[in-house]
């Protein structure tokens, strides 16, 4: 289960990414609901996705 937390580490690498309107709006609403920054939420989403990513090789 994905739980949004307050940030514990400082992010120091800058990158530009583009979101479609719907995803951006959903992420923005989540930041308001959970009182976290947009950056923190995106980092947590990425970390969760990577930790739960299935390896194609293990599916065989």
C-alpha atoms as a PDB file:
ATOM      1  CA  UNK A   1       0.000   0.000   0.000  1.00  0.00           C
ATOM      2  CA  UNK A   2       1.317   3.436  -0.924  1.00  0.00           C
ATOM      3  CA  UNK A   3       1.411   5.907   1.974  1.00  0.00           C
ATOM      4  CA  UNK A   4       2.443   9.510   1.445  1.00  0.00           C
ATOM      5  CA  UNK A   5       4.931  10.702   4.091  1.00  0.00           C
ATOM      6  CA  UNK A   6       6.682  13.921   4.922  1.00  0.00           C
ATOM      7  CA  UNK A   7      10.040  14.092   3.107  1.00  0.00           C
ATOM      8  CA  UNK A   8      13.068  12.825   5.000  1.00  0.00           C
ATOM      9  CA  UNK A   9      15.869  13.345   2.472  1.00  0.00           C
ATOM     10  CA  UNK A  10      16.852  16.395   0.495  1.00  0.00           C
ATOM     11  CA  UNK A  11      16.668  16.027  -3.275  1.00  0.00           C
ATOM     12  CA  UNK A  12      19.561  17.770  -4.976  1.00  0.00           C
ATOM     13  CA  UNK A  13      19.471  16.674  -8.632  1.00  0.00           C
ATOM     14  CA  UNK A  14      17.308  18.784 -10.906  1.00  0.00           C
ATOM     15  CA  UNK A  15      15.480  17.324 -13.934  1.00  0.00           C
ATOM     16  CA  UNK A  16      12.615  18.511 -16.098  1.00  0.00           C
ATOM     17  CA  UNK A  17       9.679  16.206 -16.773  1.00  0.00           C
ATOM     18  CA  UNK A  18       6.351  16.780 -18.516  1.00  0.00           C
ATOM     19  CA  UNK A  19       2.933  15.655 -17.271  1.00  0.00           C
ATOM     20  CA  UNK A  20      -0.355  15.446 -19.096  1.00  0.00           C
ATOM     21  CA  UNK A  21      -3.039  17.737 -17.688  1.00  0.00           C
ATOM     22  CA  UNK A  22      -5.048  15.022 -15.934  1.00  0.00           C
ATOM     23  CA  UNK A  23      -2.088  13.437 -14.155  1.00  0.00           C
ATOM     24  CA  UNK A  24      -0.748  16.836 -13.107  1.00  0.00           C
ATOM     25  CA  UNK A  25      -4.135  17.802 -11.646  1.00  0.00           C
ATOM     26  CA  UNK A  26      -4.393  14.509  -9.742  1.00  0.00           C
ATOM     27  CA  UNK A  27      -0.892  14.881  -8.314  1.00  0.00           C
ATOM     28  CA  UNK A  28      -1.554  18.496  -7.349  1.00  0.00           C
ATOM     29  CA  UNK A  29      -4.751  17.502  -5.521  1.00  0.00           C
ATOM     30  CA  UNK A  30      -2.835  14.799  -3.628  1.00  0.00           C
ATOM     31  CA  UNK A  31      -0.260  17.380  -2.502  1.00  0.00           C
ATOM     32  CA  UNK A  32      -3.015  19.529  -1.016  1.00  0.00           C
ATOM     33  CA  UNK A  33      -4.750  16.569   0.617  1.00  0.00           C
ATOM     34  CA  UNK A  34      -1.567  15.221   2.233  1.00  0.00           C
ATOM     35  CA  UNK A  35       0.210  18.539   2.815  1.00  0.00           C
ATOM     36  CA  UNK A  36       3.399  17.610   0.965  1.00  0.00           C
ATOM     37  CA  UNK A  37       5.287  19.353  -1.812  1.00  0.00           C
ATOM     38  CA  UNK A  38       4.780  18.341  -5.425  1.00  0.00           C
ATOM     39  CA  UNK A  39       8.426  17.309  -5.641  1.00  0.00           C
ATOM     40  CA  UNK A  40       8.181  15.133  -2.549  1.00  0.00           C
ATOM     41  CA  UNK A  41       5.087  13.382  -3.859  1.00  0.00           C
ATOM     42  CA  UNK A  42       6.651  12.682  -7.265  1.00  0.00           C
ATOM     43  CA  UNK A  43       9.798  11.292  -5.610  1.00  0.00           C
ATOM     44  CA  UNK A  44       7.738   9.034  -3.356  1.00  0.00           C
ATOM     45  CA  UNK A  45       5.642   7.819  -6.299  1.00  0.00           C
ATOM     46  CA  UNK A  46       8.787   6.996  -8.265  1.00  0.00           C
ATOM     47  CA  UNK A  47      10.377   5.169  -5.316  1.00  0.00           C
ATOM     48  CA  UNK A  48       7.209   3.132  -4.747  1.00  0.00           C
ATOM     49  CA  UNK A  49       6.942   2.258  -8.447  1.00  0.00           C
ATOM     50  CA  UNK A  50      10.558   1.099  -8.612  1.00  0.00           C
ATOM     51  CA  UNK A  51      10.230  -0.986  -5.442  1.00  0.00           C
ATOM     52  CA  UNK A  52       7.144  -2.702  -6.855  1.00  0.00           C
ATOM     53  CA  UNK A  53       8.334  -3.057 -10.428  1.00  0.00           C
ATOM     54  CA  UNK A  54       8.074  -6.615 -11.683  1.00  0.00           C
ATOM     55  CA  UNK A  55      11.131  -7.973 -13.437  1.00  0.00           C
ATOM     56  CA  UNK A  56      10.169  -9.542 -16.774  1.00  0.00           C
ATOM     57  CA  UNK A  57      12.656 -12.360 -16.167  1.00  0.00           C
ATOM     58  CA  UNK A  58      10.954 -13.443 -12.934  1.00  0.00           C
ATOM     59  CA  UNK A  59       7.601 -13.784 -14.723  1.00  0.00           C
ATOM     60  CA  UNK A  60       8.815 -16.695 -16.859  1.00  0.00           C
END
